[in-house]
mmCIF file of all heavy atoms, coordinates in Angstrom:
data_MODEL
# 
_entry.id   MODEL 
# 
loop_
_atom_site.group_PDB 
_atom_site.id 
_atom_site.type_symbol 
_atom_site.label_atom_id 
_atom_site.label_alt_id 
_atom_site.label_comp_id 
_atom_site.label_asym_id 
_atom_site.label_entity_id 
_atom_site.label_seq_id 
_atom_site.pdbx_PDB_ins_code 
_atom_site.Cartn_x 
_atom_site.Cartn_y 
_atom_site.Cartn_z 
_atom_site.occupancy 
_atom_site.B_iso_or_equiv 
_atom_site.pdbx_formal_charge 
_atom_site.auth_seq_id 
_atom_site.auth_comp_id 
_atom_site.auth_asym_id 
_atom_site.auth_atom_id 
_atom_site.pdbx_PDB_model_num 
ATOM 1   N N   . LEU A 1 1  ? 26.494 215.237 -13.294 1.00 0.00 ? 1  LEU A N   1 
ATOM 2   C CA  . LEU A 1 1  ? 27.529 215.094 -12.271 1.00 0.00 ? 1  LEU A CA  1 
ATOM 3   C C   . LEU A 1 1  ? 28.337 213.817 -12.483 1.00 0.00 ? 1  LEU A C   1 
ATOM 4   O O   . LEU A 1 1  ? 27.792 212.757 -12.792 1.00 0.00 ? 1  LEU A O   1 
ATOM 5   C CB  . LEU A 1 1  ? 26.901 215.089 -10.883 1.00 0.00 ? 1  LEU A CB  1 
ATOM 6   C CG  . LEU A 1 1  ? 26.312 216.434 -10.428 1.00 0.00 ? 1  LEU A CG  1 
ATOM 7   C CD1 . LEU A 1 1  ? 25.700 216.291 -9.044  1.00 0.00 ? 1  LEU A CD1 1 
ATOM 8   C CD2 . LEU A 1 1  ? 27.374 217.524 -10.425 1.00 0.00 ? 1  LEU A CD2 1 
ATOM 9   N N   . LEU A 1 2  ? 29.640 213.948 -12.266 1.00 0.00 ? 2  LEU A N   1 
ATOM 10  C CA  . LEU A 1 2  ? 30.586 212.866 -12.444 1.00 0.00 ? 2  LEU A CA  1 
ATOM 11  C C   . LEU A 1 2  ? 31.530 212.823 -11.244 1.00 0.00 ? 2  LEU A C   1 
ATOM 12  O O   . LEU A 1 2  ? 31.701 213.811 -10.535 1.00 0.00 ? 2  LEU A O   1 
ATOM 13  C CB  . LEU A 1 2  ? 31.427 213.084 -13.719 1.00 0.00 ? 2  LEU A CB  1 
ATOM 14  C CG  . LEU A 1 2  ? 30.693 213.381 -15.019 1.00 0.00 ? 2  LEU A CG  1 
ATOM 15  C CD1 . LEU A 1 2  ? 31.679 213.874 -16.060 1.00 0.00 ? 2  LEU A CD1 1 
ATOM 16  C CD2 . LEU A 1 2  ? 29.969 212.140 -15.526 1.00 0.00 ? 2  LEU A CD2 1 
ATOM 17  N N   . ASP A 1 3  ? 32.144 211.674 -11.013 1.00 0.00 ? 3  ASP A N   1 
ATOM 18  C CA  . ASP A 1 3  ? 33.285 211.607 -10.113 1.00 0.00 ? 3  ASP A CA  1 
ATOM 19  C C   . ASP A 1 3  ? 34.312 210.663 -10.715 1.00 0.00 ? 3  ASP A C   1 
ATOM 20  O O   . ASP A 1 3  ? 34.138 210.166 -11.838 1.00 0.00 ? 3  ASP A O   1 
ATOM 21  C CB  . ASP A 1 3  ? 32.875 211.231 -8.677  1.00 0.00 ? 3  ASP A CB  1 
ATOM 22  C CG  . ASP A 1 3  ? 32.475 209.762 -8.522  1.00 0.00 ? 3  ASP A CG  1 
ATOM 23  O OD1 . ASP A 1 3  ? 32.460 209.006 -9.526  1.00 0.00 ? 3  ASP A OD1 1 
ATOM 24  O OD2 . ASP A 1 3  ? 32.169 209.359 -7.384  1.00 0.00 ? 3  ASP A OD2 1 
ATOM 25  N N   . LEU A 1 4  ? 35.396 210.431 -9.992  1.00 0.00 ? 4  LEU A N   1 
ATOM 26  C CA  . LEU A 1 4  ? 36.449 209.558 -10.504 1.00 0.00 ? 4  LEU A CA  1 
ATOM 27  C C   . LEU A 1 4  ? 36.532 208.281 -9.690  1.00 0.00 ? 4  LEU A C   1 
ATOM 28  O O   . LEU A 1 4  ? 36.423 208.316 -8.461  1.00 0.00 ? 4  LEU A O   1 
ATOM 29  C CB  . LEU A 1 4  ? 37.816 210.251 -10.424 1.00 0.00 ? 4  LEU A CB  1 
ATOM 30  C CG  . LEU A 1 4  ? 38.185 211.237 -11.527 1.00 0.00 ? 4  LEU A CG  1 
ATOM 31  C CD1 . LEU A 1 4  ? 39.556 211.826 -11.236 1.00 0.00 ? 4  LEU A CD1 1 
ATOM 32  C CD2 . LEU A 1 4  ? 38.183 210.561 -12.898 1.00 0.00 ? 4  LEU A CD2 1 
ATOM 33  N N   . PRO A 1 5  ? 36.753 207.154 -10.352 1.00 0.00 ? 5  PRO A N   1 
ATOM 34  C CA  . PRO A 1 5  ? 37.061 205.926 -9.601  1.00 0.00 ? 5  PRO A CA  1 
ATOM 35  C C   . PRO A 1 5  ? 38.434 206.063 -8.965  1.00 0.00 ? 5  PRO A C   1 
ATOM 36  O O   . PRO A 1 5  ? 39.243 206.900 -9.382  1.00 0.00 ? 5  PRO A O   1 
ATOM 37  C CB  . PRO A 1 5  ? 37.041 204.844 -10.682 1.00 0.00 ? 5  PRO A CB  1 
ATOM 38  C CG  . PRO A 1 5  ? 37.365 205.568 -11.951 1.00 0.00 ? 5  PRO A CG  1 
ATOM 39  C CD  . PRO A 1 5  ? 36.781 206.941 -11.811 1.00 0.00 ? 5  PRO A CD  1 
ATOM 40  N N   . PRO A 1 6  ? 38.733 205.255 -7.950  1.00 0.00 ? 6  PRO A N   1 
ATOM 41  C CA  . PRO A 1 6  ? 40.033 205.357 -7.285  1.00 0.00 ? 6  PRO A CA  1 
ATOM 42  C C   . PRO A 1 6  ? 41.190 205.104 -8.260  1.00 0.00 ? 6  PRO A C   1 
ATOM 43  O O   . PRO A 1 6  ? 41.148 204.182 -9.061  1.00 0.00 ? 6  PRO A O   1 
ATOM 44  C CB  . PRO A 1 6  ? 39.975 204.271 -6.209  1.00 0.00 ? 6  PRO A CB  1 
ATOM 45  C CG  . PRO A 1 6  ? 38.517 204.005 -6.002  1.00 0.00 ? 6  PRO A CG  1 
ATOM 46  C CD  . PRO A 1 6  ? 37.863 204.236 -7.321  1.00 0.00 ? 6  PRO A CD  1 
ATOM 47  N N   . LEU A 1 7  ? 42.224 205.923 -8.159  1.00 0.00 ? 7  LEU A N   1 
ATOM 48  C CA  . LEU A 1 7  ? 43.419 205.759 -8.973  1.00 0.00 ? 7  LEU A CA  1 
ATOM 49  C C   . LEU A 1 7  ? 44.448 204.912 -8.229  1.00 0.00 ? 7  LEU A C   1 
ATOM 50  O O   . LEU A 1 7  ? 44.510 204.952 -6.996  1.00 0.00 ? 7  LEU A O   1 
ATOM 51  C CB  . LEU A 1 7  ? 44.035 207.127 -9.304  1.00 0.00 ? 7  LEU A CB  1 
ATOM 52  C CG  . LEU A 1 7  ? 43.197 208.104 -10.121 1.00 0.00 ? 7  LEU A CG  1 
ATOM 53  C CD1 . LEU A 1 7  ? 43.985 209.386 -10.350 1.00 0.00 ? 7  LEU A CD1 1 
ATOM 54  C CD2 . LEU A 1 7  ? 42.767 207.503 -11.440 1.00 0.00 ? 7  LEU A CD2 1 
ATOM 55  N N   . PRO A 1 8  ? 45.283 204.186 -8.952  1.00 0.00 ? 8  PRO A N   1 
ATOM 56  C CA  . PRO A 1 8  ? 46.340 203.414 -8.284  1.00 0.00 ? 8  PRO A CA  1 
ATOM 57  C C   . PRO A 1 8  ? 47.427 204.292 -7.694  1.00 0.00 ? 8  PRO A C   1 
ATOM 58  O O   . PRO A 1 8  ? 48.167 203.863 -6.808  1.00 0.00 ? 8  PRO A O   1 
ATOM 59  C CB  . PRO A 1 8  ? 46.882 202.527 -9.405  1.00 0.00 ? 8  PRO A CB  1 
ATOM 60  C CG  . PRO A 1 8  ? 46.574 203.268 -10.658 1.00 0.00 ? 8  PRO A CG  1 
ATOM 61  C CD  . PRO A 1 8  ? 45.264 203.953 -10.408 1.00 0.00 ? 8  PRO A CD  1 
ATOM 62  N N   . SER A 1 9  ? 47.532 205.534 -8.174  1.00 0.00 ? 9  SER A N   1 
ATOM 63  C CA  . SER A 1 9  ? 48.515 206.474 -7.654  1.00 0.00 ? 9  SER A CA  1 
ATOM 64  C C   . SER A 1 9  ? 48.138 207.869 -8.129  1.00 0.00 ? 9  SER A C   1 
ATOM 65  O O   . SER A 1 9  ? 47.448 208.023 -9.144  1.00 0.00 ? 9  SER A O   1 
ATOM 66  C CB  . SER A 1 9  ? 49.931 206.126 -8.145  1.00 0.00 ? 9  SER A CB  1 
ATOM 67  O OG  . SER A 1 9  ? 50.868 207.076 -7.701  1.00 0.00 ? 9  SER A OG  1 
ATOM 68  N N   . TYR A 1 10 ? 48.566 208.881 -7.393  1.00 0.00 ? 10 TYR A N   1 
ATOM 69  C CA  . TYR A 1 10 ? 48.422 210.268 -7.851  1.00 0.00 ? 10 TYR A CA  1 
ATOM 70  C C   . TYR A 1 10 ? 49.709 210.745 -8.509  1.00 0.00 ? 10 TYR A C   1 
ATOM 71  O O   . TYR A 1 10 ? 49.848 211.943 -8.815  1.00 0.00 ? 10 TYR A O   1 
ATOM 72  C CB  . TYR A 1 10 ? 48.070 211.196 -6.694  1.00 0.00 ? 10 TYR A CB  1 
ATOM 73  C CG  . TYR A 1 10 ? 46.666 211.018 -6.142  1.00 0.00 ? 10 TYR A CG  1 
ATOM 74  C CD1 . TYR A 1 10 ? 46.261 211.702 -4.999  1.00 0.00 ? 10 TYR A CD1 1 
ATOM 75  C CD2 . TYR A 1 10 ? 45.734 210.196 -6.767  1.00 0.00 ? 10 TYR A CD2 1 
ATOM 76  C CE1 . TYR A 1 10 ? 44.976 211.555 -4.486  1.00 0.00 ? 10 TYR A CE1 1 
ATOM 77  C CE2 . TYR A 1 10 ? 44.463 210.036 -6.271  1.00 0.00 ? 10 TYR A CE2 1 
ATOM 78  C CZ  . TYR A 1 10 ? 44.086 210.720 -5.119  1.00 0.00 ? 10 TYR A CZ  1 
ATOM 79  O OH  . TYR A 1 10 ? 42.817 210.573 -4.614  1.00 0.00 ? 10 TYR A OH  1 
ATOM 80  N N   . VAL A 1 11 ? 50.624 209.832 -8.734  1.00 0.00 ? 11 VAL A N   1 
ATOM 81  C CA  . VAL A 1 11 ? 51.925 210.163 -9.322  1.00 0.00 ? 11 VAL A CA  1 
ATOM 82  C C   . VAL A 1 11 ? 52.205 209.199 -10.466 1.00 0.00 ? 11 VAL A C   1 
ATOM 83  O O   . VAL A 1 11 ? 51.955 207.994 -10.362 1.00 0.00 ? 11 VAL A O   1 
ATOM 84  C CB  . VAL A 1 11 ? 53.042 210.067 -8.264  1.00 0.00 ? 11 VAL A CB  1 
ATOM 85  C CG1 . VAL A 1 11 ? 54.415 210.223 -8.903  1.00 0.00 ? 11 VAL A CG1 1 
ATOM 86  C CG2 . VAL A 1 11 ? 52.840 211.117 -7.182  1.00 0.00 ? 11 VAL A CG2 1 
ATOM 87  N N   . HIS A 1 12 ? 52.712 209.754 -11.566 1.00 0.00 ? 12 HIS A N   1 
ATOM 88  C CA  . HIS A 1 12 ? 53.141 208.923 -12.700 1.00 0.00 ? 12 HIS A CA  1 
ATOM 89  C C   . HIS A 1 12 ? 54.428 209.524 -13.228 1.00 0.00 ? 12 HIS A C   1 
ATOM 90  O O   . HIS A 1 12 ? 54.427 210.593 -13.840 1.00 0.00 ? 12 HIS A O   1 
ATOM 91  C CB  . HIS A 1 12 ? 52.066 208.908 -13.785 1.00 0.00 ? 12 HIS A CB  1 
ATOM 92  C CG  . HIS A 1 12 ? 52.380 207.994 -14.932 1.00 0.00 ? 12 HIS A CG  1 
ATOM 93  N ND1 . HIS A 1 12 ? 52.934 208.440 -16.103 1.00 0.00 ? 12 HIS A ND1 1 
ATOM 94  C CD2 . HIS A 1 12 ? 52.245 206.647 -15.067 1.00 0.00 ? 12 HIS A CD2 1 
ATOM 95  C CE1 . HIS A 1 12 ? 53.101 207.423 -16.934 1.00 0.00 ? 12 HIS A CE1 1 
ATOM 96  N NE2 . HIS A 1 12 ? 52.686 206.324 -16.334 1.00 0.00 ? 12 HIS A NE2 1 
ATOM 97  N N   . GLY A 1 13 ? 55.550 208.847 -12.945 1.00 0.00 ? 13 GLY A N   1 
ATOM 98  C CA  . GLY A 1 13 ? 56.837 209.407 -13.330 1.00 0.00 ? 13 GLY A CA  1 
ATOM 99  C C   . GLY A 1 13 ? 57.093 210.711 -12.600 1.00 0.00 ? 13 GLY A C   1 
ATOM 100 O O   . GLY A 1 13 ? 57.062 210.777 -11.379 1.00 0.00 ? 13 GLY A O   1 
ATOM 101 N N   . ARG A 1 14 ? 57.295 211.792 -13.356 1.00 0.00 ? 14 ARG A N   1 
ATOM 102 C CA  . ARG A 1 14 ? 57.530 213.110 -12.760 1.00 0.00 ? 14 ARG A CA  1 
ATOM 103 C C   . ARG A 1 14 ? 56.253 213.951 -12.689 1.00 0.00 ? 14 ARG A C   1 
ATOM 104 O O   . ARG A 1 14 ? 56.301 215.148 -12.403 1.00 0.00 ? 14 ARG A O   1 
ATOM 105 C CB  . ARG A 1 14 ? 58.591 213.860 -13.570 1.00 0.00 ? 14 ARG A CB  1 
ATOM 106 C CG  . ARG A 1 14 ? 58.176 214.136 -15.025 1.00 0.00 ? 14 ARG A CG  1 
ATOM 107 C CD  . ARG A 1 14 ? 59.350 214.656 -15.849 1.00 0.00 ? 14 ARG A CD  1 
ATOM 108 N NE  . ARG A 1 14 ? 58.974 214.808 -17.262 1.00 0.00 ? 14 ARG A NE  1 
ATOM 109 C CZ  . ARG A 1 14 ? 58.693 215.969 -17.844 1.00 0.00 ? 14 ARG A CZ  1 
ATOM 110 N NH1 . ARG A 1 14 ? 58.757 217.092 -17.144 1.00 0.00 ? 14 ARG A NH1 1 
ATOM 111 N NH2 . ARG A 1 14 ? 58.379 216.016 -19.124 1.00 0.00 ? 14 ARG A NH2 1 
ATOM 112 N N   . THR A 1 15 ? 55.105 213.325 -12.934 1.00 0.00 ? 15 THR A N   1 
ATOM 113 C CA  . THR A 1 15 ? 53.823 214.033 -12.947 1.00 0.00 ? 15 THR A CA  1 
ATOM 114 C C   . THR A 1 15 ? 53.039 213.742 -11.678 1.00 0.00 ? 15 THR A C   1 
ATOM 115 O O   . THR A 1 15 ? 52.881 212.582 -11.283 1.00 0.00 ? 15 THR A O   1 
ATOM 116 C CB  . THR A 1 15 ? 52.982 213.613 -14.170 1.00 0.00 ? 15 THR A CB  1 
ATOM 117 O OG1 . THR A 1 15 ? 53.703 213.936 -15.368 1.00 0.00 ? 15 THR A OG1 1 
ATOM 118 C CG2 . THR A 1 15 ? 51.646 214.334 -14.177 1.00 0.00 ? 15 THR A CG2 1 
ATOM 119 N N   . ALA A 1 16 ? 52.519 214.801 -11.056 1.00 0.00 ? 16 ALA A N   1 
ATOM 120 C CA  . ALA A 1 16 ? 51.642 214.678 -9.895  1.00 0.00 ? 16 ALA A CA  1 
ATOM 121 C C   . ALA A 1 16 ? 50.255 215.178 -10.263 1.00 0.00 ? 16 ALA A C   1 
ATOM 122 O O   . ALA A 1 16 ? 50.110 216.256 -10.853 1.00 0.00 ? 16 ALA A O   1 
ATOM 123 C CB  . ALA A 1 16 ? 52.188 215.487 -8.714  1.00 0.00 ? 16 ALA A CB  1 
ATOM 124 N N   . LEU A 1 17 ? 49.231 214.398 -9.944  1.00 0.00 ? 17 LEU A N   1 
ATOM 125 C CA  . LEU A 1 17 ? 47.841 214.768 -10.190 1.00 0.00 ? 17 LEU A CA  1 
ATOM 126 C C   . LEU A 1 17 ? 47.267 215.453 -8.953  1.00 0.00 ? 17 LEU A C   1 
ATOM 127 O O   . LEU A 1 17 ? 47.413 214.942 -7.838  1.00 0.00 ? 17 LEU A O   1 
ATOM 128 C CB  . LEU A 1 17 ? 47.011 213.532 -10.518 1.00 0.00 ? 17 LEU A CB  1 
ATOM 129 C CG  . LEU A 1 17 ? 47.435 212.726 -11.739 1.00 0.00 ? 17 LEU A CG  1 
ATOM 130 C CD1 . LEU A 1 17 ? 46.711 211.389 -11.765 1.00 0.00 ? 17 LEU A CD1 1 
ATOM 131 C CD2 . LEU A 1 17 ? 47.155 213.495 -13.015 1.00 0.00 ? 17 LEU A CD2 1 
ATOM 132 N N   . LEU A 1 18 ? 46.572 216.563 -9.159  1.00 0.00 ? 18 LEU A N   1 
ATOM 133 C CA  . LEU A 1 18 ? 45.994 217.314 -8.054  1.00 0.00 ? 18 LEU A CA  1 
ATOM 134 C C   . LEU A 1 18 ? 44.537 217.649 -8.346  1.00 0.00 ? 18 LEU A C   1 
ATOM 135 O O   . LEU A 1 18 ? 44.109 217.728 -9.499  1.00 0.00 ? 18 LEU A O   1 
ATOM 136 C CB  . LEU A 1 18 ? 46.744 218.644 -7.827  1.00 0.00 ? 18 LEU A CB  1 
ATOM 137 C CG  . LEU A 1 18 ? 48.020 218.616 -6.996  1.00 0.00 ? 18 LEU A CG  1 
ATOM 138 C CD1 . LEU A 1 18 ? 49.148 217.969 -7.768  1.00 0.00 ? 18 LEU A CD1 1 
ATOM 139 C CD2 . LEU A 1 18 ? 48.407 220.038 -6.578  1.00 0.00 ? 18 LEU A CD2 1 
ATOM 140 N N   . GLY A 1 19 ? 43.776 217.896 -7.274  1.00 0.00 ? 19 GLY A N   1 
ATOM 141 C CA  . GLY A 1 19 ? 42.406 218.380 -7.414  1.00 0.00 ? 19 GLY A CA  1 
ATOM 142 C C   . GLY A 1 19 ? 41.531 217.412 -8.178  1.00 0.00 ? 19 GLY A C   1 
ATOM 143 O O   . GLY A 1 19 ? 41.624 216.189 -8.024  1.00 0.00 ? 19 GLY A O   1 
ATOM 144 N N   . ASP A 1 20 ? 40.661 217.958 -9.031  1.00 0.00 ? 20 ASP A N   1 
ATOM 145 C CA  . ASP A 1 20 ? 39.726 217.116 -9.775  1.00 0.00 ? 20 ASP A CA  1 
ATOM 146 C C   . ASP A 1 20 ? 40.426 216.134 -10.711 1.00 0.00 ? 20 ASP A C   1 
ATOM 147 O O   . ASP A 1 20 ? 39.849 215.109 -11.066 1.00 0.00 ? 20 ASP A O   1 
ATOM 148 C CB  . ASP A 1 20 ? 38.757 217.993 -10.576 1.00 0.00 ? 20 ASP A CB  1 
ATOM 149 C CG  . ASP A 1 20 ? 37.663 218.583 -9.715  1.00 0.00 ? 20 ASP A CG  1 
ATOM 150 O OD1 . ASP A 1 20 ? 37.558 218.205 -8.537  1.00 0.00 ? 20 ASP A OD1 1 
ATOM 151 O OD2 . ASP A 1 20 ? 36.908 219.449 -10.218 1.00 0.00 ? 20 ASP A OD2 1 
ATOM 152 N N   . ALA A 1 21 ? 41.614 216.437 -11.136 1.00 0.00 ? 21 ALA A N   1 
ATOM 153 C CA  . ALA A 1 21 ? 42.343 215.484 -11.984 1.00 0.00 ? 21 ALA A CA  1 
ATOM 154 C C   . ALA A 1 21 ? 42.662 214.206 -11.235 1.00 0.00 ? 21 ALA A C   1 
ATOM 155 O O   . ALA A 1 21 ? 42.786 213.139 -11.835 1.00 0.00 ? 21 ALA A O   1 
ATOM 156 C CB  . ALA A 1 21 ? 43.636 216.122 -12.494 1.00 0.00 ? 21 ALA A CB  1 
ATOM 157 N N   . ALA A 1 22 ? 42.781 214.301 -9.900  1.00 0.00 ? 22 ALA A N   1 
ATOM 158 C CA  . ALA A 1 22 ? 43.122 213.140 -9.082  1.00 0.00 ? 22 ALA A CA  1 
ATOM 159 C C   . ALA A 1 22 ? 41.918 212.519 -8.415  1.00 0.00 ? 22 ALA A C   1 
ATOM 160 O O   . ALA A 1 22 ? 41.825 211.288 -8.308  1.00 0.00 ? 22 ALA A O   1 
ATOM 161 C CB  . ALA A 1 22 ? 44.141 213.540 -8.012  1.00 0.00 ? 22 ALA A CB  1 
ATOM 162 N N   . HIS A 1 23 ? 40.988 213.336 -7.931  1.00 0.00 ? 23 HIS A N   1 
ATOM 163 C CA  . HIS A 1 23 ? 39.913 212.815 -7.080  1.00 0.00 ? 23 HIS A CA  1 
ATOM 164 C C   . HIS A 1 23 ? 38.628 213.624 -7.209  1.00 0.00 ? 23 HIS A C   1 
ATOM 165 O O   . HIS A 1 23 ? 38.031 214.019 -6.209  1.00 0.00 ? 23 HIS A O   1 
ATOM 166 C CB  . HIS A 1 23 ? 40.364 212.771 -5.612  1.00 0.00 ? 23 HIS A CB  1 
ATOM 167 C CG  . HIS A 1 23 ? 41.019 214.044 -5.139  1.00 0.00 ? 23 HIS A CG  1 
ATOM 168 N ND1 . HIS A 1 23 ? 40.323 215.237 -4.981  1.00 0.00 ? 23 HIS A ND1 1 
ATOM 169 C CD2 . HIS A 1 23 ? 42.298 214.311 -4.808  1.00 0.00 ? 23 HIS A CD2 1 
ATOM 170 C CE1 . HIS A 1 23 ? 41.150 216.165 -4.561  1.00 0.00 ? 23 HIS A CE1 1 
ATOM 171 N NE2 . HIS A 1 23 ? 42.358 215.645 -4.447  1.00 0.00 ? 23 HIS A NE2 1 
ATOM 172 N N   . ALA A 1 24 ? 38.184 213.879 -8.434  1.00 0.00 ? 24 ALA A N   1 
ATOM 173 C CA  . ALA A 1 24 ? 36.912 214.577 -8.619  1.00 0.00 ? 24 ALA A CA  1 
ATOM 174 C C   . ALA A 1 24 ? 35.819 213.847 -7.862  1.00 0.00 ? 24 ALA A C   1 
ATOM 175 O O   . ALA A 1 24 ? 35.740 212.620 -7.882  1.00 0.00 ? 24 ALA A O   1 
ATOM 176 C CB  . ALA A 1 24 ? 36.561 214.646 -10.105 1.00 0.00 ? 24 ALA A CB  1 
ATOM 177 N N   . MET A 1 25 ? 34.963 214.617 -7.178  1.00 0.00 ? 25 MET A N   1 
ATOM 178 C CA  . MET A 1 25 ? 33.979 214.008 -6.291  1.00 0.00 ? 25 MET A CA  1 
ATOM 179 C C   . MET A 1 25 ? 32.625 214.672 -6.444  1.00 0.00 ? 25 MET A C   1 
ATOM 180 O O   . MET A 1 25 ? 32.502 215.791 -6.961  1.00 0.00 ? 25 MET A O   1 
ATOM 181 C CB  . MET A 1 25 ? 34.442 214.129 -4.832  1.00 0.00 ? 25 MET A CB  1 
ATOM 182 C CG  . MET A 1 25 ? 34.603 215.549 -4.343  1.00 0.00 ? 25 MET A CG  1 
ATOM 183 S SD  . MET A 1 25 ? 35.379 215.653 -2.699  1.00 0.00 ? 25 MET A SD  1 
ATOM 184 C CE  . MET A 1 25 ? 37.065 215.116 -3.060  1.00 0.00 ? 25 MET A CE  1 
ATOM 185 N N   . ALA A 1 26 ? 31.587 213.978 -5.980  1.00 0.00 ? 26 ALA A N   1 
ATOM 186 C CA  . ALA A 1 26 ? 30.253 214.575 -5.916  1.00 0.00 ? 26 ALA A CA  1 
ATOM 187 C C   . ALA A 1 26 ? 30.301 215.816 -5.031  1.00 0.00 ? 26 ALA A C   1 
ATOM 188 O O   . ALA A 1 26 ? 31.063 215.867 -4.053  1.00 0.00 ? 26 ALA A O   1 
ATOM 189 C CB  . ALA A 1 26 ? 29.254 213.566 -5.359  1.00 0.00 ? 26 ALA A CB  1 
# 
């Protein structure tokens, strides 16, 4: 099992991160 550390943003330029790409969790 893995999760993600907090990201500084869910947006980078014209890209939006969603779901596990942004906030994978236990």
